[in-house]
């Protein structure tokens, strides 16, 4: 089984001084709205990889993500690790998530990020054939295990540069530290001439 959990760069020929913030595992009732508040205040657009089951629970938050100019991607239906699953099961999970997202915002997402970043590389062409670009990340903020905002800031500042796709989470209990880290990181990179874009 050719399973990869290694982040792959999927933003080709990214201009210098451009960065892509991405958020997984949401939407969350508590932290996603706070993250959206920060992004709106700072005039930053990002990409949110949402779970299908959470879209059903929080359709208003999902609509807000789209209405405020962010990109919506799929993170599967319920965050199952599908690295060893046969493709029909993978396809079913993607389709379930697509249906949930489309029901809320009226369109199917372009991007798909597998839960845990775990995927059988041989299945990527088949996922593309059902209409998705498979998206990973190049810098992990490791906010999922953070005990402080400063740890997240250090993880990103140490690794992120031009064209980086940075992974955060908006649906975890540790997302409270992500909220504290975001304004610091936005200010740090903006002061150095960076702009932020969706994928």
C-alpha atoms as a PDB file:
ATOM      1  CA  UNK A   1       0.000   0.000   0.000  1.00  0.00           C
ATOM      2  CA  UNK A   2       1.554   3.274  -1.134  1.00  0.00           C
ATOM      3  CA  UNK A   3       0.256   5.379   1.723  1.00  0.00           C
ATOM      4  CA  UNK A   4       1.601   8.897   2.096  1.00  0.00           C
ATOM      5  CA  UNK A   5       1.170  11.216   5.032  1.00  0.00           C
ATOM      6  CA  UNK A   6       3.864  13.560   3.761  1.00  0.00           C
ATOM      7  CA  UNK A   7       2.667  17.069   2.918  1.00  0.00           C
ATOM      8  CA  UNK A   8       2.967  17.786  -0.781  1.00  0.00           C
ATOM      9  CA  UNK A   9       3.232  21.218  -2.369  1.00  0.00           C
ATOM     10  CA  UNK A  10       0.269  21.771  -4.631  1.00  0.00           C
ATOM     11  CA  UNK A  11       0.552  25.516  -5.260  1.00  0.00           C
ATOM     12  CA  UNK A  12       2.769  25.655  -8.306  1.00  0.00           C
ATOM     13  CA  UNK A  13       4.755  28.723  -9.285  1.00  0.00           C
ATOM     14  CA  UNK A  14       3.507  30.673  -6.287  1.00  0.00           C
ATOM     15  CA  UNK A  15       4.629  34.301  -6.412  1.00  0.00           C
ATOM     16  CA  UNK A  16       7.152  35.420  -3.863  1.00  0.00           C
ATOM     17  CA  UNK A  17       5.802  36.731  -0.586  1.00  0.00           C
ATOM     18  CA  UNK A  18       2.510  34.842  -0.862  1.00  0.00           C
ATOM     19  CA  UNK A  19       1.237  32.544   1.888  1.00  0.00           C
ATOM     20  CA  UNK A  20      -1.779  30.266   2.134  1.00  0.00           C
ATOM     21  CA  UNK A  21      -3.434  29.720   5.523  1.00  0.00           C
ATOM     22  CA  UNK A  22      -5.608  26.601   5.696  1.00  0.00           C
ATOM     23  CA  UNK A  23      -7.867  25.303   8.463  1.00  0.00           C
ATOM     24  CA  UNK A  24      -8.929  21.673   9.002  1.00  0.00           C
ATOM     25  CA  UNK A  25     -11.496  19.750  11.064  1.00  0.00           C
ATOM     26  CA  UNK A  26     -14.193  22.409  11.266  1.00  0.00           C
ATOM     27  CA  UNK A  27     -16.441  24.086  11.357  1.00  0.00           C
ATOM     28  CA  UNK A  28     -16.559  24.413  15.110  1.00  0.00           C
ATOM     29  CA  UNK A  29     -19.257  26.310  16.962  1.00  0.00           C
ATOM     30  CA  UNK A  30     -16.806  28.102  19.260  1.00  0.00           C
ATOM     31  CA  UNK A  31     -13.556  28.721  17.417  1.00  0.00           C
ATOM     32  CA  UNK A  32     -14.431  28.971  13.722  1.00  0.00           C
ATOM     33  CA  UNK A  33     -16.495  32.162  14.193  1.00  0.00           C
ATOM     34  CA  UNK A  34     -13.649  33.704  16.209  1.00  0.00           C
ATOM     35  CA  UNK A  35     -11.146  32.808  13.490  1.00  0.00           C
ATOM     36  CA  UNK A  36     -13.460  34.327  10.885  1.00  0.00           C
ATOM     37  CA  UNK A  37     -13.673  37.501  12.979  1.00  0.00           C
ATOM     38  CA  UNK A  38      -9.872  37.758  13.016  1.00  0.00           C
ATOM     39  CA  UNK A  39      -9.539  37.107   9.284  1.00  0.00           C
ATOM     40  CA  UNK A  40     -12.210  39.695   8.476  1.00  0.00           C
ATOM     41  CA  UNK A  41     -10.604  42.281  10.729  1.00  0.00           C
ATOM     42  CA  UNK A  42      -7.167  41.640   9.208  1.00  0.00           C
ATOM     43  CA  UNK A  43      -8.572  41.396   5.649  1.00  0.00           C
ATOM     44  CA  UNK A  44      -7.072  37.950   5.137  1.00  0.00           C
ATOM     45  CA  UNK A  45      -8.647  35.188   3.058  1.00  0.00           C
ATOM     46  CA  UNK A  46      -7.977  31.527   3.820  1.00  0.00           C
ATOM     47  CA  UNK A  47      -9.075  28.023   2.850  1.00  0.00           C
ATOM     48  CA  UNK A  48     -11.243  25.937   5.188  1.00  0.00           C
ATOM     49  CA  UNK A  49     -11.319  22.150   4.792  1.00  0.00           C
ATOM     50  CA  UNK A  50     -14.621  21.260   6.405  1.00  0.00           C
ATOM     51  CA  UNK A  51     -16.103  17.947   7.514  1.00  0.00           C
ATOM     52  CA  UNK A  52     -19.400  16.904   5.984  1.00  0.00           C
ATOM     53  CA  UNK A  53     -21.029  15.915   9.262  1.00  0.00           C
ATOM     54  CA  UNK A  54     -20.133  19.259  10.836  1.00  0.00           C
ATOM     55  CA  UNK A  55     -21.576  21.105   7.851  1.00  0.00           C
ATOM     56  CA  UNK A  56     -24.900  19.513   8.704  1.00  0.00           C
ATOM     57  CA  UNK A  57     -24.583  20.652  12.318  1.00  0.00           C
ATOM     58  CA  UNK A  58     -23.389  24.214  11.597  1.00  0.00           C
ATOM     59  CA  UNK A  59     -24.659  25.291   8.171  1.00  0.00           C
ATOM     60  CA  UNK A  60     -24.689  28.952   9.149  1.00  0.00           C
ATOM     61  CA  UNK A  61     -20.973  28.934   9.912  1.00  0.00           C
ATOM     62  CA  UNK A  62     -20.232  27.202   6.600  1.00  0.00           C
ATOM     63  CA  UNK A  63     -22.240  29.802   4.698  1.00  0.00           C
ATOM     64  CA  UNK A  64     -20.383  32.536   6.532  1.00  0.00           C
ATOM     65  CA  UNK A  65     -17.039  31.049   5.448  1.00  0.00           C
ATOM     66  CA  UNK A  66     -18.104  31.231   1.819  1.00  0.00           C
ATOM     67  CA  UNK A  67     -19.860  34.591   2.058  1.00  0.00           C
ATOM     68  CA  UNK A  68     -16.774  36.247   3.531  1.00  0.00           C
ATOM     69  CA  UNK A  69     -14.649  35.254   0.545  1.00  0.00           C
ATOM     70  CA  UNK A  70     -12.830  32.203   1.846  1.00  0.00           C
ATOM     71  CA  UNK A  71     -12.371  28.968  -0.095  1.00  0.00           C
ATOM     72  CA  UNK A  72     -14.276  25.894   1.068  1.00  0.00           C
ATOM     73  CA  UNK A  73     -12.613  22.526   0.650  1.00  0.00           C
ATOM     74  CA  UNK A  74     -13.627  19.031   1.717  1.00  0.00           C
ATOM     75  CA  UNK A  75     -11.951  17.172   4.567  1.00  0.00           C
ATOM     76  CA  UNK A  76     -14.132  14.104   4.151  1.00  0.00           C
ATOM     77  CA  UNK A  77     -17.330  13.309   5.988  1.00  0.00           C
ATOM     78  CA  UNK A  78     -16.336  12.328   9.528  1.00  0.00           C
ATOM     79  CA  UNK A  79     -12.509  12.398   9.664  1.00  0.00           C
ATOM     80  CA  UNK A  80     -11.963   8.689   9.134  1.00  0.00           C
ATOM     81  CA  UNK A  81      -8.431   7.600   8.289  1.00  0.00           C
ATOM     82  CA  UNK A  82      -8.894   6.208   4.786  1.00  0.00           C
ATOM     83  CA  UNK A  83      -5.258   5.473   3.974  1.00  0.00           C
ATOM     84  CA  UNK A  84      -5.837   1.716   3.849  1.00  0.00           C
ATOM     85  CA  UNK A  85      -9.433   1.795   2.613  1.00  0.00           C
ATOM     86  CA  UNK A  86     -10.357   0.532  -0.860  1.00  0.00           C
ATOM     87  CA  UNK A  87     -11.228   3.295  -3.292  1.00  0.00           C
ATOM     88  CA  UNK A  88     -15.010   2.662  -3.305  1.00  0.00           C
ATOM     89  CA  UNK A  89     -15.069   3.517   0.414  1.00  0.00           C
ATOM     90  CA  UNK A  90     -12.876   6.579  -0.139  1.00  0.00           C
ATOM     91  CA  UNK A  91     -15.160   7.700  -2.957  1.00  0.00           C
ATOM     92  CA  UNK A  92     -18.242   7.177  -0.787  1.00  0.00           C
ATOM     93  CA  UNK A  93     -16.806   9.317   2.018  1.00  0.00           C
ATOM     94  CA  UNK A  94     -15.858  12.083  -0.418  1.00  0.00           C
ATOM     95  CA  UNK A  95     -19.286  11.967  -2.056  1.00  0.00           C
ATOM     96  CA  UNK A  96     -21.068  12.145   1.307  1.00  0.00           C
ATOM     97  CA  UNK A  97     -19.037  15.217   2.218  1.00  0.00           C
ATOM     98  CA  UNK A  98     -19.616  16.803  -1.196  1.00  0.00           C
ATOM     99  CA  UNK A  99     -23.353  16.342  -0.818  1.00  0.00           C
ATOM    100  CA  UNK A 100     -23.376  17.897   2.653  1.00  0.00           C
ATOM    101  CA  UNK A 101     -21.313  20.897   1.537  1.00  0.00           C
ATOM    102  CA  UNK A 102     -23.271  21.421  -1.674  1.00  0.00           C
ATOM    103  CA  UNK A 103     -26.544  21.277   0.246  1.00  0.00           C
ATOM    104  CA  UNK A 104     -25.389  24.203   2.391  1.00  0.00           C
ATOM    105  CA  UNK A 105     -23.600  26.469  -0.108  1.00  0.00           C
ATOM    106  CA  UNK A 106     -24.935  25.321  -3.466  1.00  0.00           C
ATOM    107  CA  UNK A 107     -21.742  24.005  -4.987  1.00  0.00           C
ATOM    108  CA  UNK A 108     -19.312  21.132  -4.650  1.00  0.00           C
ATOM    109  CA  UNK A 109     -15.836  21.989  -3.337  1.00  0.00           C
ATOM    110  CA  UNK A 110     -12.854  21.892  -5.671  1.00  0.00           C
ATOM    111  CA  UNK A 111     -10.237  20.843  -3.121  1.00  0.00           C
ATOM    112  CA  UNK A 112     -10.106  17.678  -1.049  1.00  0.00           C
ATOM    113  CA  UNK A 113      -7.693  17.188   1.835  1.00  0.00           C
ATOM    114  CA  UNK A 114      -7.685  13.642   3.227  1.00  0.00           C
ATOM    115  CA  UNK A 115      -8.094  13.303   6.998  1.00  0.00           C
ATOM    116  CA  UNK A 116      -4.677  13.160   8.703  1.00  0.00           C
ATOM    117  CA  UNK A 117      -3.172  13.853   5.260  1.00  0.00           C
ATOM    118  CA  UNK A 118      -3.177  10.066   4.891  1.00  0.00           C
ATOM    119  CA  UNK A 119      -3.865   8.672   1.451  1.00  0.00           C
ATOM    120  CA  UNK A 120      -2.875   5.917  -0.918  1.00  0.00           C
ATOM    121  CA  UNK A 121      -0.975   7.896  -3.532  1.00  0.00           C
ATOM    122  CA  UNK A 122      -2.262   5.557  -6.241  1.00  0.00           C
ATOM    123  CA  UNK A 123      -5.801   6.809  -5.575  1.00  0.00           C
ATOM    124  CA  UNK A 124      -5.008  10.463  -6.288  1.00  0.00           C
ATOM    125  CA  UNK A 125      -5.715  10.195 -10.062  1.00  0.00           C
ATOM    126  CA  UNK A 126      -9.087   8.594  -9.321  1.00  0.00           C
ATOM    127  CA  UNK A 127      -9.948  11.369  -6.868  1.00  0.00           C
ATOM    128  CA  UNK A 128      -9.075  13.904  -9.547  1.00  0.00           C
ATOM    129  CA  UNK A 129     -11.380  12.126 -11.970  1.00  0.00           C
ATOM    130  CA  UNK A 130     -14.327  12.647  -9.623  1.00  0.00           C
ATOM    131  CA  UNK A 131     -13.661  16.359  -9.677  1.00  0.00           C
ATOM    132  CA  UNK A 132     -11.241  17.163  -6.874  1.00  0.00           C
ATOM    133  CA  UNK A 133      -7.765  18.594  -6.586  1.00  0.00           C
ATOM    134  CA  UNK A 134      -6.009  16.801  -3.728  1.00  0.00           C
ATOM    135  CA  UNK A 135      -4.526  19.370  -1.380  1.00  0.00           C
ATOM    136  CA  UNK A 136      -1.952  18.904   1.355  1.00  0.00           C
ATOM    137  CA  UNK A 137       0.227  21.407   3.219  1.00  0.00           C
ATOM    138  CA  UNK A 138       3.877  22.350   3.398  1.00  0.00           C
ATOM    139  CA  UNK A 139       4.054  23.725   6.953  1.00  0.00           C
ATOM    140  CA  UNK A 140       2.315  22.183   9.968  1.00  0.00           C
ATOM    141  CA  UNK A 141       1.657  24.651  12.779  1.00  0.00           C
ATOM    142  CA  UNK A 142       1.182  21.615  15.062  1.00  0.00           C
ATOM    143  CA  UNK A 143      -1.604  23.533  16.755  1.00  0.00           C
ATOM    144  CA  UNK A 144      -3.445  20.256  17.361  1.00  0.00           C
ATOM    145  CA  UNK A 145      -1.017  19.504  20.206  1.00  0.00           C
ATOM    146  CA  UNK A 146      -0.160  23.055  21.237  1.00  0.00           C
ATOM    147  CA  UNK A 147      -0.088  24.147  24.856  1.00  0.00           C
ATOM    148  CA  UNK A 148       0.401  27.830  24.047  1.00  0.00           C
ATOM    149  CA  UNK A 149       0.091  30.326  21.219  1.00  0.00           C
ATOM    150  CA  UNK A 150       3.834  30.971  21.308  1.00  0.00           C
ATOM    151  CA  UNK A 151       4.527  27.367  20.311  1.00  0.00           C
ATOM    152  CA  UNK A 152       2.348  27.749  17.229  1.00  0.00           C
ATOM    153  CA  UNK A 153       4.003  31.038  16.316  1.00  0.00           C
ATOM    154  CA  UNK A 154       7.463  29.498  16.643  1.00  0.00           C
ATOM    155  CA  UNK A 155       6.505  26.452  14.570  1.00  0.00           C
ATOM    156  CA  UNK A 156       5.242  28.590  11.705  1.00  0.00           C
ATOM    157  CA  UNK A 157       7.897  31.307  11.760  1.00  0.00           C
ATOM    158  CA  UNK A 158      10.618  28.660  11.783  1.00  0.00           C
ATOM    159  CA  UNK A 159       9.315  26.891   8.678  1.00  0.00           C
ATOM    160  CA  UNK A 160       7.064  29.112   6.543  1.00  0.00           C
ATOM    161  CA  UNK A 161       8.248  31.195   3.619  1.00  0.00           C
ATOM    162  CA  UNK A 162       7.154  32.228   0.124  1.00  0.00           C
ATOM    163  CA  UNK A 163       4.467  29.905  -1.238  1.00  0.00           C
ATOM    164  CA  UNK A 164       3.953  28.021   2.030  1.00  0.00           C
ATOM    165  CA  UNK A 165       0.645  26.286   2.664  1.00  0.00           C
ATOM    166  CA  UNK A 166       0.213  26.442   6.436  1.00  0.00           C
ATOM    167  CA  UNK A 167      -1.957  23.940   8.307  1.00  0.00           C
ATOM    168  CA  UNK A 168      -4.082  25.090  11.247  1.00  0.00           C
ATOM    169  CA  UNK A 169      -7.208  23.640  12.868  1.00  0.00           C
ATOM    170  CA  UNK A 170     -10.450  25.389  13.752  1.00  0.00           C
ATOM    171  CA  UNK A 171     -12.444  22.502  15.204  1.00  0.00           C
ATOM    172  CA  UNK A 172     -10.294  21.345  18.130  1.00  0.00           C
ATOM    173  CA  UNK A 173     -10.040  22.366  21.777  1.00  0.00           C
ATOM    174  CA  UNK A 174      -6.486  23.578  21.090  1.00  0.00           C
ATOM    175  CA  UNK A 175      -7.859  25.988  18.472  1.00  0.00           C
ATOM    176  CA  UNK A 176      -8.070  28.505  21.315  1.00  0.00           C
ATOM    177  CA  UNK A 177      -4.296  28.856  20.968  1.00  0.00           C
ATOM    178  CA  UNK A 178      -4.606  29.155  17.188  1.00  0.00           C
ATOM    179  CA  UNK A 179      -6.881  32.153  17.736  1.00  0.00           C
ATOM    180  CA  UNK A 180      -4.206  33.813  19.867  1.00  0.00           C
ATOM    181  CA  UNK A 181      -1.431  33.002  17.384  1.00  0.00           C
ATOM    182  CA  UNK A 182      -3.164  34.140  14.193  1.00  0.00           C
ATOM    183  CA  UNK A 183      -2.950  37.935  14.650  1.00  0.00           C
ATOM    184  CA  UNK A 184       0.710  37.628  15.631  1.00  0.00           C
ATOM    185  CA  UNK A 185       1.527  35.576  12.533  1.00  0.00           C
ATOM    186  CA  UNK A 186      -0.466  37.793  10.195  1.00  0.00           C
ATOM    187  CA  UNK A 187       1.320  40.860  11.514  1.00  0.00           C
ATOM    188  CA  UNK A 188       4.733  39.140  11.347  1.00  0.00           C
ATOM    189  CA  UNK A 189       4.407  38.138   7.709  1.00  0.00           C
ATOM    190  CA  UNK A 190       2.574  41.249   6.567  1.00  0.00           C
ATOM    191  CA  UNK A 191       5.356  43.408   8.031  1.00  0.00           C
ATOM    192  CA  UNK A 192       7.721  41.400   5.813  1.00  0.00           C
ATOM    193  CA  UNK A 193       5.743  42.102   2.673  1.00  0.00           C
ATOM    194  CA  UNK A 194       3.607  38.966   2.457  1.00  0.00           C
ATOM    195  CA  UNK A 195       0.065  38.715   1.175  1.00  0.00           C
ATOM    196  CA  UNK A 196      -2.386  35.948   2.010  1.00  0.00           C
ATOM    197  CA  UNK A 197      -4.477  34.083  -0.547  1.00  0.00           C
ATOM    198  CA  UNK A 198      -6.857  31.174  -0.840  1.00  0.00           C
ATOM    199  CA  UNK A 199      -5.701  28.061  -2.663  1.00  0.00           C
END
